[in-house]
N, C-alpha and C. Protein backbone atom coordinates (compact mmCIF):
# COMPACT_ATOMS: atom_id res chain seq x y z
N MET A 1 5.68 -20.50 -1.35
CA MET A 1 5.20 -19.19 -2.14
C MET A 1 6.00 -18.31 -3.21
N LYS A 2 6.16 -18.15 -4.61
CA LYS A 2 6.91 -17.66 -5.02
C LYS A 2 6.89 -16.49 -5.39
N ARG A 3 5.25 -15.98 -5.32
CA ARG A 3 5.20 -14.80 -6.18
C ARG A 3 4.57 -13.90 -4.84
N ASN A 4 4.91 -12.70 -5.07
CA ASN A 4 4.97 -11.89 -4.21
C ASN A 4 3.29 -11.45 -3.74
N ILE A 5 3.00 -10.98 -2.20
CA ILE A 5 1.59 -10.57 -2.34
C ILE A 5 1.91 -8.78 -2.24
N VAL A 6 1.33 -8.24 -2.65
CA VAL A 6 1.36 -6.84 -3.08
C VAL A 6 -0.30 -6.08 -2.21
N LEU A 7 0.04 -5.44 -1.37
CA LEU A 7 -1.47 -5.08 -0.84
C LEU A 7 -1.63 -3.42 -0.96
N CYS A 8 -2.30 -3.35 -1.36
CA CYS A 8 -2.56 -1.61 -1.67
C CYS A 8 -4.06 -1.09 -1.14
N GLY A 9 -4.20 -0.07 -1.15
CA GLY A 9 -5.59 0.53 -0.25
C GLY A 9 -5.32 2.21 -0.17
N MET A 10 -6.14 2.44 0.41
CA MET A 10 -6.22 4.20 1.10
C MET A 10 -4.86 4.33 2.30
N PRO A 11 -4.44 5.28 2.15
CA PRO A 11 -3.94 5.57 3.74
C PRO A 11 -4.76 5.15 4.58
N SER A 12 -4.38 4.70 5.69
CA SER A 12 -4.71 4.02 6.89
C SER A 12 -5.94 2.95 6.77
N SER A 13 -5.58 2.20 5.50
CA SER A 13 -6.89 1.19 5.19
C SER A 13 -5.99 0.00 5.97
N GLY A 14 -5.17 -0.15 6.74
CA GLY A 14 -4.32 -1.65 7.49
C GLY A 14 -3.57 -2.07 6.33
N LYS A 15 -2.76 -1.65 5.71
CA LYS A 15 -2.25 -2.32 4.69
C LYS A 15 -0.86 -2.37 5.35
N SER A 16 -0.17 -2.25 6.06
CA SER A 16 1.13 -2.67 7.15
C SER A 16 0.73 -3.41 7.76
N THR A 17 -0.30 -2.79 8.61
CA THR A 17 -0.42 -3.93 10.03
C THR A 17 -0.84 -5.38 9.51
N VAL A 18 -1.91 -5.19 8.29
CA VAL A 18 -2.47 -6.68 7.74
C VAL A 18 -1.35 -7.37 6.91
N GLY A 19 -0.59 -6.64 6.50
CA GLY A 19 0.83 -7.39 5.28
C GLY A 19 2.20 -7.74 6.64
N TYR A 20 1.77 -6.90 7.80
CA TYR A 20 2.84 -7.82 8.73
C TYR A 20 1.97 -8.97 9.33
N MET A 21 1.06 -9.12 9.69
CA MET A 21 0.34 -10.27 10.44
C MET A 21 0.47 -11.46 9.03
N LEU A 22 -0.06 -11.11 8.16
CA LEU A 22 0.36 -12.17 6.92
C LEU A 22 1.60 -12.58 6.69
N SER A 23 2.11 -11.92 6.93
CA SER A 23 4.17 -11.93 6.54
C SER A 23 4.09 -13.16 7.43
N GLU A 24 3.72 -12.93 9.05
CA GLU A 24 4.35 -13.74 9.78
C GLU A 24 3.86 -15.30 9.82
N ARG A 25 2.22 -15.39 9.46
CA ARG A 25 1.79 -16.18 9.28
C ARG A 25 2.01 -17.08 8.11
N LEU A 26 2.47 -16.78 7.18
CA LEU A 26 3.47 -17.43 6.11
C LEU A 26 4.76 -17.72 6.67
N GLY A 27 4.96 -16.87 7.15
CA GLY A 27 7.15 -16.97 7.33
C GLY A 27 7.78 -16.31 6.63
N VAL A 28 7.50 -15.30 5.70
CA VAL A 28 7.81 -14.74 4.84
C VAL A 28 8.96 -13.29 5.17
N ASP A 29 8.93 -12.92 4.45
CA ASP A 29 9.55 -11.19 5.03
C ASP A 29 8.61 -9.95 4.45
N PHE A 30 8.64 -9.08 4.90
CA PHE A 30 7.80 -8.16 4.97
C PHE A 30 8.16 -7.10 4.30
N ILE A 31 7.42 -6.32 3.98
CA ILE A 31 8.28 -4.76 3.03
C ILE A 31 7.26 -4.05 2.87
N ASP A 32 7.50 -2.64 3.68
CA ASP A 32 6.37 -1.33 3.64
C ASP A 32 7.32 -0.51 3.21
N THR A 33 6.98 -0.24 1.51
CA THR A 33 7.42 0.73 1.19
C THR A 33 7.55 2.10 1.49
N ASP A 34 6.60 2.74 2.23
CA ASP A 34 6.73 4.05 3.18
C ASP A 34 7.97 3.87 3.66
N SER A 35 8.00 2.73 4.85
CA SER A 35 9.28 2.26 5.60
C SER A 35 10.55 2.46 5.05
N THR A 36 10.60 1.30 3.74
CA THR A 36 11.66 1.79 3.38
C THR A 36 12.36 3.04 2.56
N ILE A 37 11.26 4.01 2.13
CA ILE A 37 11.61 5.16 1.72
C ILE A 37 12.11 6.18 2.59
N VAL A 38 11.48 6.03 3.41
CA VAL A 38 11.99 6.77 4.93
C VAL A 38 13.60 6.43 5.81
N GLU A 39 13.85 5.02 5.49
CA GLU A 39 14.71 4.69 5.60
C GLU A 39 15.77 5.14 4.49
N SER A 40 15.58 4.55 3.41
CA SER A 40 16.47 5.24 2.12
C SER A 40 16.76 6.82 1.98
N GLU A 41 15.64 7.15 2.72
CA GLU A 41 16.02 8.88 2.42
C GLU A 41 16.49 9.75 3.61
N GLY A 42 16.50 8.89 4.55
CA GLY A 42 16.63 9.39 5.95
C GLY A 42 16.16 10.81 6.68
N ARG A 43 14.37 10.31 6.05
CA ARG A 43 13.44 11.57 6.40
C ARG A 43 12.03 11.18 6.06
N GLY A 44 11.67 11.84 6.86
CA GLY A 44 10.04 11.40 6.96
C GLY A 44 9.46 11.84 5.35
N ILE A 45 8.02 10.92 5.39
CA ILE A 45 7.87 11.68 4.16
C ILE A 45 6.93 12.69 3.83
N PRO A 46 6.51 13.48 5.29
CA PRO A 46 5.74 14.86 5.46
C PRO A 46 7.20 15.56 4.88
N GLU A 47 7.96 15.60 5.51
CA GLU A 47 9.48 16.26 5.30
C GLU A 47 9.66 16.38 3.02
N ILE A 48 9.56 15.19 2.88
CA ILE A 48 9.67 14.88 1.21
C ILE A 48 8.58 16.02 0.41
N PHE A 49 7.44 15.92 0.86
CA PHE A 49 6.52 16.33 0.07
C PHE A 49 6.71 18.03 0.46
N ALA A 50 6.88 18.24 2.09
CA ALA A 50 7.05 19.98 1.46
C ALA A 50 8.57 20.53 1.46
N LYS A 51 9.03 20.05 1.09
CA LYS A 51 10.43 20.25 0.74
C LYS A 51 10.61 20.52 -0.85
N GLU A 52 10.19 19.28 -1.22
CA GLU A 52 10.70 18.74 -2.61
C GLU A 52 8.88 18.27 -3.49
N GLY A 53 7.69 18.12 -2.56
CA GLY A 53 7.07 17.79 -3.99
C GLY A 53 6.73 16.63 -3.81
N GLU A 54 4.98 16.49 -4.26
CA GLU A 54 4.91 15.03 -4.47
C GLU A 54 5.34 14.58 -5.81
N ALA A 55 5.73 15.10 -6.65
CA ALA A 55 6.52 14.74 -8.11
C ALA A 55 7.83 13.94 -7.68
N VAL A 56 8.32 14.80 -6.69
CA VAL A 56 10.08 13.86 -6.15
C VAL A 56 9.50 12.70 -5.35
N PHE A 57 8.44 12.91 -4.48
CA PHE A 57 7.95 11.40 -3.44
C PHE A 57 7.95 10.51 -4.29
N ARG A 58 7.01 10.98 -5.52
CA ARG A 58 6.19 9.95 -6.52
C ARG A 58 7.71 9.09 -7.24
N ALA A 59 8.83 9.68 -7.49
CA ALA A 59 9.60 9.45 -8.58
C ALA A 59 10.29 8.06 -7.34
N ILE A 60 11.17 8.88 -6.12
CA ILE A 60 11.67 8.06 -5.29
C ILE A 60 10.55 6.88 -5.29
N GLU A 61 9.36 6.81 -4.82
CA GLU A 61 8.03 5.66 -4.76
C GLU A 61 8.81 4.65 -5.40
N SER A 62 8.80 4.96 -6.75
CA SER A 62 8.66 4.38 -8.12
C SER A 62 10.08 3.28 -7.97
N ARG A 63 10.86 4.14 -7.61
CA ARG A 63 12.17 3.57 -7.73
C ARG A 63 12.40 2.54 -6.27
N VAL A 64 11.64 2.50 -5.42
CA VAL A 64 11.91 1.78 -4.43
C VAL A 64 10.69 0.48 -4.61
N ILE A 65 9.73 0.69 -5.55
CA ILE A 65 8.68 0.04 -5.97
C ILE A 65 9.63 -1.21 -6.73
N GLU A 66 10.55 -1.07 -7.82
CA GLU A 66 11.07 -1.55 -8.64
C GLU A 66 12.16 -2.31 -7.95
N SER A 67 12.90 -1.82 -6.87
CA SER A 67 13.60 -2.69 -5.91
C SER A 67 13.23 -3.86 -5.18
N VAL A 68 11.79 -3.26 -4.54
CA VAL A 68 11.03 -4.82 -3.97
C VAL A 68 10.65 -5.61 -4.81
N ALA A 69 10.02 -5.02 -5.72
CA ALA A 69 9.30 -5.68 -6.81
C ALA A 69 10.18 -7.00 -7.23
N LYS A 70 11.24 -6.70 -7.27
CA LYS A 70 12.48 -7.67 -7.88
C LYS A 70 12.68 -9.06 -6.87
N ARG A 71 12.06 -9.18 -5.53
CA ARG A 71 12.19 -10.20 -4.44
C ARG A 71 11.01 -11.23 -4.96
N ALA A 72 11.47 -12.25 -4.38
CA ALA A 72 10.55 -13.07 -4.49
C ALA A 72 10.08 -13.52 -3.33
N GLY A 73 8.45 -13.82 -3.25
CA GLY A 73 7.95 -14.47 -2.01
C GLY A 73 7.84 -13.78 -0.93
N VAL A 74 7.76 -12.36 -0.71
CA VAL A 74 7.40 -11.67 0.16
C VAL A 74 5.74 -10.72 -0.02
N VAL A 75 5.66 -10.24 1.26
CA VAL A 75 4.78 -9.50 1.06
C VAL A 75 4.63 -7.91 1.63
N ILE A 76 4.69 -7.42 0.43
CA ILE A 76 4.74 -5.66 0.33
C ILE A 76 3.41 -5.08 0.50
N ALA A 77 3.40 -4.01 1.07
CA ALA A 77 2.55 -3.51 1.70
C ALA A 77 2.89 -1.71 1.13
N LEU A 78 2.09 -1.36 -0.22
CA LEU A 78 2.41 -0.10 -0.85
C LEU A 78 1.72 0.98 -0.12
N GLY A 79 2.66 2.42 -0.09
CA GLY A 79 1.79 3.45 -0.13
C GLY A 79 0.91 3.94 -0.61
N GLY A 80 -0.10 4.71 0.02
CA GLY A 80 -1.40 4.07 -0.87
C GLY A 80 -1.68 5.19 -1.94
N GLY A 81 -0.99 6.01 -2.31
CA GLY A 81 -0.95 6.52 -4.06
C GLY A 81 0.06 5.81 -4.96
N ALA A 82 0.78 4.63 -4.61
CA ALA A 82 2.13 3.71 -5.74
C ALA A 82 0.68 3.29 -6.44
N VAL A 83 -0.27 3.22 -6.51
CA VAL A 83 -0.99 2.25 -7.58
C VAL A 83 -1.37 3.40 -8.99
N LEU A 84 -1.64 4.49 -8.40
CA LEU A 84 -1.67 5.91 -9.39
C LEU A 84 -0.68 5.79 -10.58
N ASN A 85 -0.04 5.35 -10.39
CA ASN A 85 1.34 5.17 -11.56
C ASN A 85 1.22 3.81 -12.55
N PRO A 86 0.98 3.68 -13.23
CA PRO A 86 0.43 2.45 -13.95
C PRO A 86 2.00 1.82 -14.00
N SER A 87 2.89 2.19 -14.31
CA SER A 87 4.23 1.52 -14.73
C SER A 87 4.40 0.81 -13.19
N ASN A 88 4.23 1.61 -12.05
CA ASN A 88 4.23 0.60 -10.72
C ASN A 88 3.30 -0.03 -10.56
N VAL A 89 2.30 -0.28 -11.25
CA VAL A 89 1.20 -1.89 -11.48
C VAL A 89 2.09 -2.52 -11.88
N SER A 90 2.20 -2.17 -12.89
CA SER A 90 3.16 -3.09 -14.35
C SER A 90 4.47 -3.79 -13.69
N VAL A 91 5.05 -2.88 -13.04
CA VAL A 91 6.27 -3.55 -12.37
C VAL A 91 5.93 -4.46 -11.16
N LEU A 92 5.09 -4.26 -10.35
CA LEU A 92 4.37 -5.03 -9.54
C LEU A 92 3.83 -6.71 -9.84
N LYS A 93 3.00 -6.61 -10.83
CA LYS A 93 2.54 -7.40 -11.23
C LYS A 93 3.59 -8.74 -12.01
N GLN A 94 4.38 -8.85 -12.72
CA GLN A 94 5.36 -8.97 -13.34
C GLN A 94 5.50 -10.62 -11.80
N ASN A 95 5.78 -10.15 -11.30
CA ASN A 95 6.27 -10.79 -9.95
C ASN A 95 5.38 -11.10 -8.74
N GLY A 96 4.05 -10.15 -9.01
CA GLY A 96 3.34 -10.21 -7.69
C GLY A 96 1.64 -10.34 -7.81
N THR A 97 1.06 -11.01 -6.84
CA THR A 97 -0.73 -10.27 -6.63
C THR A 97 -0.74 -9.42 -6.10
N ILE A 98 -1.68 -8.50 -6.46
CA ILE A 98 -1.93 -7.45 -5.65
C ILE A 98 -2.78 -7.62 -5.31
N ILE A 99 -3.19 -7.12 -3.96
CA ILE A 99 -4.75 -7.11 -3.13
C ILE A 99 -5.27 -5.77 -2.91
N PHE A 100 -6.25 -4.97 -3.03
CA PHE A 100 -6.78 -4.19 -2.62
C PHE A 100 -7.57 -4.15 -1.64
N LEU A 101 -6.92 -3.94 -0.43
CA LEU A 101 -7.75 -3.50 1.08
C LEU A 101 -8.80 -2.70 1.01
N ASP A 102 -10.35 -2.92 0.61
CA ASP A 102 -11.25 -1.77 0.82
C ASP A 102 -11.56 -1.49 2.33
N ARG A 103 -11.09 -0.55 2.54
CA ARG A 103 -11.66 0.03 3.64
C ARG A 103 -12.58 1.00 3.82
N LYS A 104 -13.83 1.15 4.48
CA LYS A 104 -15.12 2.46 4.06
C LYS A 104 -14.34 3.86 4.38
N PRO A 105 -14.47 4.99 4.14
CA PRO A 105 -13.84 5.95 4.06
C PRO A 105 -14.29 6.12 5.85
N GLU A 106 -15.47 5.73 6.68
CA GLU A 106 -15.52 6.03 7.63
C GLU A 106 -15.16 5.59 8.42
N PHE A 107 -14.25 4.43 8.45
CA PHE A 107 -13.06 3.68 9.01
C PHE A 107 -11.83 3.86 9.03
N LEU A 108 -11.52 5.32 8.25
CA LEU A 108 -9.99 5.47 8.05
C LEU A 108 -10.10 6.62 8.49
N THR A 109 -8.66 6.57 9.28
CA THR A 109 -8.43 7.77 10.14
C THR A 109 -6.92 8.76 9.23
N PRO A 110 -7.77 9.57 9.81
CA PRO A 110 -6.85 11.30 8.92
C PRO A 110 -5.49 11.24 10.09
N THR A 111 -4.47 11.47 9.57
CA THR A 111 -3.69 12.04 10.61
C THR A 111 -2.61 13.04 9.72
N PRO A 112 -2.12 13.69 10.59
CA PRO A 112 -1.06 14.99 10.38
C PRO A 112 0.18 14.28 9.52
N ASP A 113 0.68 13.22 9.79
CA ASP A 113 1.92 12.96 9.14
C ASP A 113 1.59 12.04 7.59
N ARG A 114 0.35 12.57 7.19
CA ARG A 114 0.14 11.94 5.78
C ARG A 114 -0.41 13.40 5.40
N PRO A 115 0.27 13.51 4.02
CA PRO A 115 0.66 14.65 3.39
C PRO A 115 -1.16 14.68 3.07
N LEU A 116 -1.35 14.08 2.51
CA LEU A 116 -2.83 14.13 1.36
C LEU A 116 -3.71 13.50 1.97
N SER A 117 -3.47 13.19 3.19
CA SER A 117 -4.99 12.82 3.82
C SER A 117 -5.40 13.24 5.51
N SER A 118 -5.00 14.40 5.75
CA SER A 118 -4.73 15.13 6.65
C SER A 118 -6.17 15.03 7.63
N ASN A 119 -7.40 15.06 6.83
CA ASN A 119 -8.72 15.33 7.02
C ASN A 119 -9.81 14.42 6.95
N THR A 120 -10.62 14.83 7.27
CA THR A 120 -11.83 13.57 6.80
C THR A 120 -12.05 14.07 5.48
N GLU A 121 -12.19 14.81 5.39
CA GLU A 121 -12.93 15.22 3.91
C GLU A 121 -11.91 15.49 2.68
N ALA A 122 -10.83 15.00 3.17
CA ALA A 122 -9.63 14.85 1.87
C ALA A 122 -9.56 13.74 1.57
N LEU A 123 -9.56 12.40 2.86
CA LEU A 123 -10.04 11.12 2.46
C LEU A 123 -11.07 10.65 1.64
N ARG A 124 -12.51 11.25 2.34
CA ARG A 124 -13.85 10.81 1.89
C ARG A 124 -13.12 11.22 0.26
N ALA A 125 -12.95 12.16 -0.67
CA ALA A 125 -12.57 12.61 -1.71
C ALA A 125 -11.54 12.02 -2.41
N MET A 126 -10.57 11.75 -2.21
CA MET A 126 -9.34 10.64 -2.54
C MET A 126 -10.09 9.36 -2.54
N TYR A 127 -11.13 8.92 -1.27
CA TYR A 127 -11.28 7.48 -1.68
C TYR A 127 -12.53 7.61 -3.06
N GLU A 128 -13.27 8.94 -3.19
CA GLU A 128 -14.19 8.27 -4.65
C GLU A 128 -12.93 8.63 -5.59
N LYS A 129 -11.86 9.66 -5.27
CA LYS A 129 -11.45 9.41 -6.55
C LYS A 129 -10.57 8.03 -6.98
N ARG A 130 -9.83 7.60 -5.73
CA ARG A 130 -9.12 6.65 -6.20
C ARG A 130 -9.88 4.92 -6.74
N MET A 131 -10.34 4.75 -6.07
CA MET A 131 -11.54 3.74 -6.15
C MET A 131 -11.51 2.83 -7.59
N PRO A 132 -11.82 3.45 -8.23
CA PRO A 132 -11.68 2.78 -9.66
C PRO A 132 -10.12 2.27 -10.20
N ILE A 133 -9.46 3.41 -9.25
CA ILE A 133 -8.00 2.92 -9.94
C ILE A 133 -7.24 2.15 -9.07
N TYR A 134 -7.86 1.66 -7.97
CA TYR A 134 -7.28 0.63 -6.93
C TYR A 134 -7.99 -0.64 -7.68
N HIS A 135 -9.28 -0.59 -8.28
CA HIS A 135 -9.98 -1.69 -9.00
C HIS A 135 -9.26 -2.35 -10.06
N ASP A 136 -8.69 -1.53 -10.61
CA ASP A 136 -8.20 -2.10 -12.05
C ASP A 136 -6.65 -2.47 -11.20
N ALA A 137 -6.51 -2.23 -10.34
CA ALA A 137 -4.80 -2.40 -10.31
C ALA A 137 -4.84 -3.31 -9.97
N ALA A 138 -5.89 -4.08 -9.25
CA ALA A 138 -6.17 -5.38 -7.98
C ALA A 138 -6.55 -6.32 -9.08
N ASP A 139 -5.49 -7.51 -8.32
CA ASP A 139 -5.97 -8.89 -8.58
C ASP A 139 -7.32 -9.66 -7.86
N TYR A 140 -7.35 -8.79 -7.01
CA TYR A 140 -8.56 -9.31 -5.57
C TYR A 140 -8.73 -8.22 -5.02
N VAL A 141 -10.28 -8.25 -4.55
CA VAL A 141 -10.44 -7.46 -3.22
C VAL A 141 -10.79 -7.92 -2.15
N ILE A 142 -9.96 -7.45 -0.92
CA ILE A 142 -10.19 -7.78 0.10
C ILE A 142 -11.72 -7.08 1.30
N ASP A 143 -12.56 -7.32 1.68
CA ASP A 143 -13.37 -6.41 2.18
C ASP A 143 -12.70 -5.94 3.96
N ASN A 144 -11.76 -5.06 4.13
CA ASN A 144 -11.35 -4.93 5.71
C ASN A 144 -11.88 -3.64 6.44
N ASN A 145 -13.11 -4.17 6.78
CA ASN A 145 -13.98 -3.04 7.66
C ASN A 145 -14.32 -3.83 8.88
N GLY A 146 -13.12 -5.16 8.90
CA GLY A 146 -13.58 -5.79 10.27
C GLY A 146 -12.05 -5.82 11.22
N THR A 147 -11.62 -6.61 11.43
CA THR A 147 -10.33 -6.31 12.30
C THR A 147 -9.09 -7.35 11.44
N PRO A 148 -7.73 -6.69 11.52
CA PRO A 148 -6.82 -6.75 10.64
C PRO A 148 -6.57 -8.48 10.66
N GLN A 149 -7.26 -9.31 11.68
CA GLN A 149 -7.00 -10.91 11.83
C GLN A 149 -7.96 -11.24 10.53
N ASP A 150 -9.24 -10.25 10.88
CA ASP A 150 -10.45 -11.15 9.42
C ASP A 150 -9.54 -10.96 7.93
N ALA A 151 -8.96 -9.79 7.73
CA ALA A 151 -8.31 -9.50 6.56
C ALA A 151 -7.46 -10.67 6.38
N VAL A 152 -6.83 -11.18 7.16
CA VAL A 152 -5.54 -11.96 7.02
C VAL A 152 -5.99 -13.18 6.31
N ASN A 153 -6.99 -13.67 7.23
CA ASN A 153 -7.85 -14.86 7.33
C ASN A 153 -8.26 -14.87 5.63
N LYS A 154 -9.15 -13.69 5.11
CA LYS A 154 -9.47 -13.62 4.14
C LYS A 154 -8.31 -13.77 2.68
N ILE A 155 -7.43 -13.13 2.94
CA ILE A 155 -6.34 -13.44 2.37
C ILE A 155 -5.30 -14.42 1.91
N TYR A 156 -5.24 -15.44 3.47
CA TYR A 156 -4.97 -16.72 3.53
C TYR A 156 -5.47 -17.83 2.82
N GLU A 157 -6.98 -17.80 2.79
CA GLU A 157 -8.23 -18.57 1.91
C GLU A 157 -7.96 -18.26 0.75
N LEU A 158 -7.33 -17.14 0.14
CA LEU A 158 -7.69 -16.83 -0.93
C LEU A 158 -6.43 -17.48 -1.69
N LEU A 159 -5.28 -17.74 -1.11
CA LEU A 159 -3.94 -18.54 -1.25
C LEU A 159 -4.39 -19.65 -1.50
């Protein structure tokens, strides 16, 4: 596998879980951009949002994406909003295939540590707003309303 497999989708749609499982199945490295941001910044994403705002977070996120996109043959799980920036999509497509993990809003889990999706109403509104953006960014769309293993199997069949 020479191209990266890049997973995008809503917060709590399973990108990290499916990405890790897929990387294990393929025997390749797994990179979670949100985890990479936390490691490189030495603080959590909610803290970055609270102290510096979304714009600063998105700039950090873009730098991380630019760096990890240079790798070859890895599985990358993006943060939920990463594909909102067209330049992130462009950088990722140079050496990657973007797969949108589509999970219905009723199966998404709001959590207080996710600054933009801390409640059900926010998640539903975000889903409606982001759906066309995810579809435009994606090379493939995978239904992820079953188990993570189901999604891994579907992606594996695509490859």
